[in-house]
Structure formats: C-alpha cells, structure tokens
C-alpha cells in the first residue's frame, strides 16, 4: 500500500461522506518531500481534524512512519474541505 492509499484509507475510516474524499499526491519544491492533498466534505472537516488537531496529527504521524519504513521521505499532508 502506497502513502496515498494509506492516507485515503485512514481518512475514509473517519468520515461519514466516504465518496467525497479525494486524496492526491503532488510535486513538492523541497527535496525528499512528498505532498499529499486531502479534500473532504465540509461536514466531515471536524471529524478529520479532531479536537485541537489531534486526529490530523495522528494521520500525519501514521503516514510519516510508513514513509520512513519504505522511502525515507518527509511527508506533508494538507487537509481541506469543499
């Protein structure tokens, strides 16, 4: 499972509107960095961010740990709603 699939699996586990989740990987200006953009329904934003950003940080930590076991690259995850 690559990092985008892992991120999508985790986020879809948290939200109510699973069909509205979009996860894409983008080129990063920084070397050895992967940028992942997560788009969720605005109703699900609180479920993904969590109280004080704890859930979002947990998602970032899990994906970063997975990256270190494979590519050893830094992962940046941006979460936004539409």
PDB file of N, CA and C in Angstrom:
ATOM      1  N   UNK A   1       0.860  -1.183   0.000  1.00  0.00           N
ATOM      2  CA  UNK A   1       0.000   0.000   0.000  1.00  0.00           C
ATOM      3  C   UNK A   1       0.900   1.238   0.000  1.00  0.00           C
ATOM      4  N   UNK A   2       0.677   2.114  -0.985  1.00  0.00           N
ATOM      5  CA  UNK A   2       1.477   3.336  -1.024  1.00  0.00           C
ATOM      6  C   UNK A   2       0.911   4.380  -0.067  1.00  0.00           C
ATOM      7  N   UNK A   3       1.596   5.501   0.045  1.00  0.00           N
ATOM      8  CA  UNK A   3       1.228   6.514   1.033  1.00  0.00           C
ATOM      9  C   UNK A   3      -0.117   7.161   0.743  1.00  0.00           C
ATOM     10  N   UNK A   4      -0.441   7.361  -0.527  1.00  0.00           N
ATOM     11  CA  UNK A   4      -1.725   7.959  -0.891  1.00  0.00           C
ATOM     12  C   UNK A   4      -2.863   7.012  -0.524  1.00  0.00           C
ATOM     13  N   UNK A   5      -2.702   5.729  -0.826  1.00  0.00           N
ATOM     14  CA  UNK A   5      -3.730   4.748  -0.490  1.00  0.00           C
ATOM     15  C   UNK A   5      -3.903   4.629   1.018  1.00  0.00           C
ATOM     16  N   UNK A   6      -2.798   4.662   1.758  1.00  0.00           N
ATOM     17  CA  UNK A   6      -2.866   4.600   3.213  1.00  0.00           C
ATOM     18  C   UNK A   6      -3.605   5.809   3.775  1.00  0.00           C
ATOM     19  N   UNK A   7      -3.265   6.994   3.280  1.00  0.00           N
ATOM     20  CA  UNK A   7      -3.928   8.214   3.725  1.00  0.00           C
ATOM     21  C   UNK A   7      -5.418   8.159   3.422  1.00  0.00           C
ATOM     22  N   UNK A   8      -5.764   7.733   2.214  1.00  0.00           N
ATOM     23  CA  UNK A   8      -7.170   7.644   1.821  1.00  0.00           C
ATOM     24  C   UNK A   8      -7.920   6.652   2.707  1.00  0.00           C
ATOM     25  N   UNK A   9      -7.317   5.511   3.001  1.00  0.00           N
ATOM     26  CA  UNK A   9      -7.952   4.510   3.852  1.00  0.00           C
ATOM     27  C   UNK A   9      -8.225   5.070   5.246  1.00  0.00           C
ATOM     28  N   UNK A  10      -7.249   5.752   5.824  1.00  0.00           N
ATOM     29  CA  UNK A  10      -7.409   6.303   7.165  1.00  0.00           C
ATOM     30  C   UNK A  10      -8.497   7.374   7.182  1.00  0.00           C
ATOM     31  N   UNK A  11      -8.450   8.297   6.207  1.00  0.00           N
ATOM     32  CA  UNK A  11      -9.419   9.397   6.175  1.00  0.00           C
ATOM     33  C   UNK A  11     -10.830   8.865   5.938  1.00  0.00           C
ATOM     34  N   UNK A  12     -10.984   7.913   5.033  1.00  0.00           N
ATOM     35  CA  UNK A  12     -12.309   7.354   4.764  1.00  0.00           C
ATOM     36  C   UNK A  12     -12.869   6.629   5.989  1.00  0.00           C
ATOM     37  N   UNK A  13     -11.987   6.125   6.845  1.00  0.00           N
ATOM     38  CA  UNK A  13     -12.435   5.480   8.072  1.00  0.00           C
ATOM     39  C   UNK A  13     -13.005   6.482   9.063  1.00  0.00           C
ATOM     40  N   UNK A  14     -12.630   7.750   8.924  1.00  0.00           N
ATOM     41  CA  UNK A  14     -13.046   8.785   9.868  1.00  0.00           C
ATOM     42  C   UNK A  14     -14.307   9.538   9.451  1.00  0.00           C
ATOM     43  N   UNK A  15     -14.601   9.613   8.160  1.00  0.00           N
ATOM     44  CA  UNK A  15     -15.659  10.496   7.669  1.00  0.00           C
ATOM     45  C   UNK A  15     -16.976   9.756   7.455  1.00  0.00           C
ATOM     46  N   UNK A  16     -18.053  10.542   7.334  1.00  0.00           N
ATOM     47  CA  UNK A  16     -19.379   9.987   7.041  1.00  0.00           C
ATOM     48  C   UNK A  16     -19.606   9.919   5.522  1.00  0.00           C
ATOM     49  N   UNK A  17     -19.133  10.932   4.787  1.00  0.00           N
ATOM     50  CA  UNK A  17     -19.313  11.000   3.329  1.00  0.00           C
ATOM     51  C   UNK A  17     -18.068  10.457   2.638  1.00  0.00           C
ATOM     52  N   UNK A  18     -17.936   9.136   2.609  1.00  0.00           N
ATOM     53  CA  UNK A  18     -16.743   8.490   2.077  1.00  0.00           C
ATOM     54  C   UNK A  18     -16.520   8.763   0.590  1.00  0.00           C
ATOM     55  N   UNK A  19     -17.616   8.915  -0.160  1.00  0.00           N
ATOM     56  CA  UNK A  19     -17.487   9.141  -1.600  1.00  0.00           C
ATOM     57  C   UNK A  19     -16.943  10.526  -1.932  1.00  0.00           C
ATOM     58  N   UNK A  20     -16.959  11.447  -0.979  1.00  0.00           N
ATOM     59  CA  UNK A  20     -16.473  12.805  -1.214  1.00  0.00           C
ATOM     60  C   UNK A  20     -14.982  12.970  -0.908  1.00  0.00           C
ATOM     61  N   UNK A  21     -14.334  11.929  -0.443  1.00  0.00           N
ATOM     62  CA  UNK A  21     -12.918  12.025  -0.087  1.00  0.00           C
ATOM     63  C   UNK A  21     -12.059  11.944  -1.339  1.00  0.00           C
ATOM     64  N   UNK A  22     -11.134  12.886  -1.463  1.00  0.00           N
ATOM     65  CA  UNK A  22     -10.191  12.891  -2.578  1.00  0.00           C
ATOM     66  C   UNK A  22      -8.785  13.063  -2.012  1.00  0.00           C
ATOM     67  N   UNK A  23      -7.893  12.137  -2.365  1.00  0.00           N
ATOM     68  CA  UNK A  23      -6.508  12.187  -1.892  1.00  0.00           C
ATOM     69  C   UNK A  23      -5.593  12.115  -3.107  1.00  0.00           C
ATOM     70  N   UNK A  24      -4.716  13.112  -3.240  1.00  0.00           N
ATOM     71  CA  UNK A  24      -3.803  13.169  -4.392  1.00  0.00           C
ATOM     72  C   UNK A  24      -2.411  13.541  -3.936  1.00  0.00           C
ATOM     73  N   UNK A  25      -1.439  13.058  -4.678  1.00  0.00           N
ATOM     74  CA  UNK A  25      -0.039  13.383  -4.399  1.00  0.00           C
ATOM     75  C   UNK A  25       0.425  14.428  -5.408  1.00  0.00           C
ATOM     76  N   UNK A  26       1.173  15.414  -4.913  1.00  0.00           N
ATOM     77  CA  UNK A  26       1.673  16.487  -5.770  1.00  0.00           C
ATOM     78  C   UNK A  26       3.184  16.596  -5.651  1.00  0.00           C
ATOM     79  N   UNK A  27       3.776  17.209  -6.675  1.00  0.00           N
ATOM     80  CA  UNK A  27       5.205  17.500  -6.648  1.00  0.00           C
ATOM     81  C   UNK A  27       5.489  18.521  -5.564  1.00  0.00           C
ATOM     82  N   UNK A  28       6.587  18.359  -4.885  1.00  0.00           N
ATOM     83  CA  UNK A  28       6.973  19.298  -3.840  1.00  0.00           C
ATOM     84  C   UNK A  28       8.252  20.020  -4.264  1.00  0.00           C
ATOM     85  N   UNK A  29       8.369  21.276  -3.861  1.00  0.00           N
ATOM     86  CA  UNK A  29       9.564  22.049  -4.172  1.00  0.00           C
ATOM     87  C   UNK A  29      10.759  21.571  -3.354  1.00  0.00           C
ATOM     88  N   UNK A  30      10.483  20.974  -2.214  1.00  0.00           N
ATOM     89  CA  UNK A  30      11.543  20.516  -1.334  1.00  0.00           C
ATOM     90  C   UNK A  30      12.024  19.126  -1.749  1.00  0.00           C
ATOM     91  N   UNK A  31      13.307  18.908  -1.601  1.00  0.00           N
ATOM     92  CA  UNK A  31      13.884  17.618  -1.952  1.00  0.00           C
ATOM     93  C   UNK A  31      13.507  16.578  -0.900  1.00  0.00           C
ATOM     94  N   UNK A  32      13.254  15.344  -1.331  1.00  0.00           N
ATOM     95  CA  UNK A  32      12.876  14.233  -0.454  1.00  0.00           C
ATOM     96  C   UNK A  32      11.608  14.516   0.337  1.00  0.00           C
ATOM     97  N   UNK A  33      10.663  15.222  -0.264  1.00  0.00           N
ATOM     98  CA  UNK A  33       9.400  15.534   0.398  1.00  0.00           C
ATOM     99  C   UNK A  33       8.242  15.145  -0.506  1.00  0.00           C
ATOM    100  N   UNK A  34       7.251  14.524   0.092  1.00  0.00           N
ATOM    101  CA  UNK A  34       6.029  14.146  -0.621  1.00  0.00           C
ATOM    102  C   UNK A  34       4.908  15.020  -0.081  1.00  0.00           C
ATOM    103  N   UNK A  35       4.124  15.625  -0.982  1.00  0.00           N
ATOM    104  CA  UNK A  35       2.992  16.469  -0.590  1.00  0.00           C
ATOM    105  C   UNK A  35       1.706  15.738  -0.950  1.00  0.00           C
ATOM    106  N   UNK A  36       0.868  15.513   0.053  1.00  0.00           N
ATOM    107  CA  UNK A  36      -0.410  14.834  -0.156  1.00  0.00           C
ATOM    108  C   UNK A  36      -1.528  15.806   0.193  1.00  0.00           C
ATOM    109  N   UNK A  37      -2.451  15.997  -0.754  1.00  0.00           N
ATOM    110  CA  UNK A  37      -3.602  16.889  -0.567  1.00  0.00           C
ATOM    111  C   UNK A  37      -4.836  16.041  -0.299  1.00  0.00           C
ATOM    112  N   UNK A  38      -5.518  16.312   0.807  1.00  0.00           N
ATOM    113  CA  UNK A  38      -6.738  15.592   1.177  1.00  0.00           C
ATOM    114  C   UNK A  38      -7.901  16.568   1.123  1.00  0.00           C
ATOM    115  N   UNK A  39      -8.925  16.240   0.345  1.00  0.00           N
ATOM    116  CA  UNK A  39     -10.142  17.036   0.271  1.00  0.00           C
ATOM    117  C   UNK A  39     -11.299  16.214   0.821  1.00  0.00           C
ATOM    118  N   UNK A  40     -12.042  16.808   1.751  1.00  0.00           N
ATOM    119  CA  UNK A  40     -13.203  16.144   2.331  1.00  0.00           C
ATOM    120  C   UNK A  40     -14.399  17.082   2.277  1.00  0.00           C
ATOM    121  N   UNK A  41     -15.571  16.532   2.450  1.00  0.00           N
ATOM    122  CA  UNK A  41     -16.787  17.328   2.529  1.00  0.00           C
ATOM    123  C   UNK A  41     -16.686  18.249   3.748  1.00  0.00           C
ATOM    124  N   UNK A  42     -17.209  19.457   3.634  1.00  0.00           N
ATOM    125  CA  UNK A  42     -17.106  20.421   4.733  1.00  0.00           C
ATOM    126  C   UNK A  42     -17.775  19.906   6.008  1.00  0.00           C
ATOM    127  N   UNK A  43     -18.773  19.046   5.868  1.00  0.00           N
ATOM    128  CA  UNK A  43     -19.431  18.464   7.041  1.00  0.00           C
ATOM    129  C   UNK A  43     -18.499  17.530   7.818  1.00  0.00           C
ATOM    130  N   UNK A  44     -17.521  16.956   7.134  1.00  0.00           N
ATOM    131  CA  UNK A  44     -16.616  15.993   7.754  1.00  0.00           C
ATOM    132  C   UNK A  44     -15.304  16.605   8.229  1.00  0.00           C
ATOM    133  N   UNK A  45     -15.136  17.900   8.041  1.00  0.00           N
ATOM    134  CA  UNK A  45     -13.867  18.536   8.383  1.00  0.00           C
ATOM    135  C   UNK A  45     -13.511  18.345   9.858  1.00  0.00           C
ATOM    136  N   UNK A  46     -14.468  18.508  10.736  1.00  0.00           N
ATOM    137  CA  UNK A  46     -14.223  18.332  12.162  1.00  0.00           C
ATOM    138  C   UNK A  46     -13.834  16.914  12.534  1.00  0.00           C
ATOM    139  N   UNK A  47     -14.392  15.938  11.818  1.00  0.00           N
ATOM    140  CA  UNK A  47     -14.065  14.539  12.085  1.00  0.00           C
ATOM    141  C   UNK A  47     -12.635  14.219  11.693  1.00  0.00           C
ATOM    142  N   UNK A  48     -12.129  14.869  10.667  1.00  0.00           N
ATOM    143  CA  UNK A  48     -10.770  14.602  10.201  1.00  0.00           C
ATOM    144  C   UNK A  48      -9.745  15.390  11.017  1.00  0.00           C
ATOM    145  N   UNK A  49     -10.059  16.629  11.363  1.00  0.00           N
ATOM    146  CA  UNK A  49      -9.125  17.465  12.120  1.00  0.00           C
ATOM    147  C   UNK A  49      -9.081  17.026  13.585  1.00  0.00           C
ATOM    148  N   UNK A  50     -10.229  16.790  14.176  1.00  0.00           N
ATOM    149  CA  UNK A  50     -10.279  16.394  15.571  1.00  0.00           C
ATOM    150  C   UNK A  50     -10.122  17.581  16.506  1.00  0.00           C
ATOM    151  N   UNK A  51     -10.330  17.341  17.765  1.00  0.00           N
ATOM    152  CA  UNK A  51     -10.237  18.398  18.769  1.00  0.00           C
ATOM    153  C   UNK A  51      -8.778  18.829  18.919  1.00  0.00           C
ATOM    154  N   UNK A  52      -8.547  20.096  18.643  1.00  0.00           N
ATOM    155  CA  UNK A  52      -7.188  20.622  18.745  1.00  0.00           C
ATOM    156  C   UNK A  52      -6.243  20.086  17.681  1.00  0.00           C
ATOM    157  N   UNK A  53      -6.782  19.487  16.621  1.00  0.00           N
ATOM    158  CA  UNK A  53      -5.954  18.962  15.543  1.00  0.00           C
ATOM    159  C   UNK A  53      -5.316  17.620  15.851  1.00  0.00           C
ATOM    160  N   UNK A  54      -5.792  16.954  16.888  1.00  0.00           N
ATOM    161  CA  UNK A  54      -5.172  15.695  17.303  1.00  0.00           C
ATOM    162  C   UNK A  54      -5.328  14.576  16.273  1.00  0.00           C
ATOM    163  N   UNK A  55      -6.503  14.460  15.654  1.00  0.00           N
ATOM    164  CA  UNK A  55      -6.692  13.410  14.649  1.00  0.00           C
ATOM    165  C   UNK A  55      -5.848  13.671  13.407  1.00  0.00           C
ATOM    166  N   UNK A  56      -5.793  14.927  12.975  1.00  0.00           N
ATOM    167  CA  UNK A  56      -4.978  15.266  11.808  1.00  0.00           C
ATOM    168  C   UNK A  56      -3.512  14.953  12.075  1.00  0.00           C
ATOM    169  N   UNK A  57      -3.031  15.272  13.268  1.00  0.00           N
ATOM    170  CA  UNK A  57      -1.646  14.960  13.609  1.00  0.00           C
ATOM    171  C   UNK A  57      -1.407  13.457  13.688  1.00  0.00           C
ATOM    172  N   UNK A  58      -2.392  12.706  14.150  1.00  0.00           N
ATOM    173  CA  UNK A  58      -2.268  11.254  14.208  1.00  0.00           C
ATOM    174  C   UNK A  58      -2.181  10.659  12.802  1.00  0.00           C
ATOM    175  N   UNK A  59      -2.986  11.176  11.876  1.00  0.00           N
ATOM    176  CA  UNK A  59      -2.925  10.717  10.484  1.00  0.00           C
ATOM    177  C   UNK A  59      -1.551  11.020   9.904  1.00  0.00           C
ATOM    178  N   UNK A  60      -1.064  12.233  10.138  1.00  0.00           N
ATOM    179  CA  UNK A  60       0.262  12.613   9.644  1.00  0.00           C
ATOM    180  C   UNK A  60       1.354  11.706  10.225  1.00  0.00           C
ATOM    181  N   UNK A  61       1.253  11.390  11.498  1.00  0.00           N
ATOM    182  CA  UNK A  61       2.250  10.540  12.146  1.00  0.00           C
ATOM    183  C   UNK A  61       2.254   9.135  11.563  1.00  0.00           C
ATOM    184  N   UNK A  62       1.070   8.557  11.344  1.00  0.00           N
ATOM    185  CA  UNK A  62       0.981   7.211  10.776  1.00  0.00           C
ATOM    186  C   UNK A  62       1.559   7.156   9.362  1.00  0.00           C
ATOM    187  N   UNK A  63       1.210   8.139   8.546  1.00  0.00           N
ATOM    188  CA  UNK A  63       1.696   8.150   7.165  1.00  0.00           C
ATOM    189  C   UNK A  63       3.201   8.411   7.143  1.00  0.00           C
ATOM    190  N   UNK A  64       3.679   9.297   8.005  1.00  0.00           N
ATOM    191  CA  UNK A  64       5.117   9.580   8.074  1.00  0.00           C
ATOM    192  C   UNK A  64       5.886   8.336   8.503  1.00  0.00           C
ATOM    193  N   UNK A  65       5.375   7.602   9.481  1.00  0.00           N
ATOM    194  CA  UNK A  65       6.031   6.375   9.932  1.00  0.00           C
ATOM    195  C   UNK A  65       6.091   5.348   8.812  1.00  0.00           C
ATOM    196  N   UNK A  66       5.030   5.247   8.042  1.00  0.00           N
ATOM    197  CA  UNK A  66       5.023   4.331   6.898  1.00  0.00           C
ATOM    198  C   UNK A  66       6.046   4.750   5.855  1.00  0.00           C
ATOM    199  N   UNK A  67       6.193   6.046   5.658  1.00  0.00           N
ATOM    200  CA  UNK A  67       7.170   6.552   4.694  1.00  0.00           C
ATOM    201  C   UNK A  67       8.587   6.207   5.129  1.00  0.00           C
ATOM    202  N   UNK A  68       8.876   6.316   6.396  1.00  0.00           N
ATOM    203  CA  UNK A  68      10.218   6.022   6.897  1.00  0.00           C
ATOM    204  C   UNK A  68      10.584   4.554   6.720  1.00  0.00           C
ATOM    205  N   UNK A  69       9.599   3.666   6.717  1.00  0.00           N
ATOM    206  CA  UNK A  69       9.896   2.248   6.535  1.00  0.00           C
ATOM    207  C   UNK A  69      10.145   1.899   5.066  1.00  0.00           C
ATOM    208  N   UNK A  70       9.700   2.771   4.148  1.00  0.00           N
ATOM    209  CA  UNK A  70       9.846   2.467   2.723  1.00  0.00           C
ATOM    210  C   UNK A  70      10.800   3.431   2.018  1.00  0.00           C
ATOM    211  N   UNK A  71      10.395   4.699   1.884  1.00  0.00           N
ATOM    212  CA  UNK A  71      11.119   5.666   1.059  1.00  0.00           C
ATOM    213  C   UNK A  71      12.064   6.561   1.850  1.00  0.00           C
ATOM    214  N   UNK A  72      11.835   6.662   3.130  1.00  0.00           N
ATOM    215  CA  UNK A  72      12.593   7.567   3.991  1.00  0.00           C
ATOM    216  C   UNK A  72      12.473   9.010   3.507  1.00  0.00           C
ATOM    217  N   UNK A  73      11.256   9.401   3.121  1.00  0.00           N
ATOM    218  CA  UNK A  73      10.981  10.771   2.690  1.00  0.00           C
ATOM    219  C   UNK A  73      10.058  11.448   3.683  1.00  0.00           C
ATOM    220  N   UNK A  74      10.158  12.771   3.758  1.00  0.00           N
ATOM    221  CA  UNK A  74       9.268  13.553   4.621  1.00  0.00           C
ATOM    222  C   UNK A  74       7.921  13.692   3.919  1.00  0.00           C
ATOM    223  N   UNK A  75       6.847  13.601   4.691  1.00  0.00           N
ATOM    224  CA  UNK A  75       5.501  13.692   4.137  1.00  0.00           C
ATOM    225  C   UNK A  75       4.807  14.913   4.712  1.00  0.00           C
ATOM    226  N   UNK A  76       4.230  15.724   3.831  1.00  0.00           N
ATOM    227  CA  UNK A  76       3.399  16.854   4.246  1.00  0.00           C
ATOM    228  C   UNK A  76       1.980  16.554   3.781  1.00  0.00           C
ATOM    229  N   UNK A  77       1.024  16.657   4.700  1.00  0.00           N
ATOM    230  CA  UNK A  77      -0.376  16.387   4.363  1.00  0.00           C
ATOM    231  C   UNK A  77      -1.169  17.655   4.609  1.00  0.00           C
ATOM    232  N   UNK A  78      -1.824  18.148   3.564  1.00  0.00           N
ATOM    233  CA  UNK A  78      -2.707  19.298   3.678  1.00  0.00           C
ATOM    234  C   UNK A  78      -4.146  18.797   3.618  1.00  0.00           C
ATOM    235  N   UNK A  79      -4.952  19.218   4.594  1.00  0.00           N
ATOM    236  CA  UNK A  79      -6.352  18.789   4.661  1.00  0.00           C
ATOM    237  C   UNK A  79      -7.226  20.018   4.410  1.00  0.00           C
ATOM    238  N   UNK A  80      -8.158  19.879   3.467  1.00  0.00           N
ATOM    239  CA  UNK A  80      -9.030  20.989   3.109  1.00  0.00           C
ATOM    240  C   UNK A  80     -10.426  20.448   2.829  1.00  0.00           C
ATOM    241  N   UNK A  81     -11.407  21.333   2.792  1.00  0.00           N
ATOM    242  CA  UNK A  81     -12.779  20.921   2.506  1.00  0.00           C
ATOM    243  C   UNK A  81     -13.306  21.660   1.275  1.00  0.00           C
ATOM    244  N   UNK A  82     -14.394  21.148   0.747  1.00  0.00           N
ATOM    245  CA  UNK A  82     -15.040  21.808  -0.400  1.00  0.00           C
ATOM    246  C   UNK A  82     -16.525  21.913  -0.167  1.00  0.00           C
TER     247      UNK A  82
END
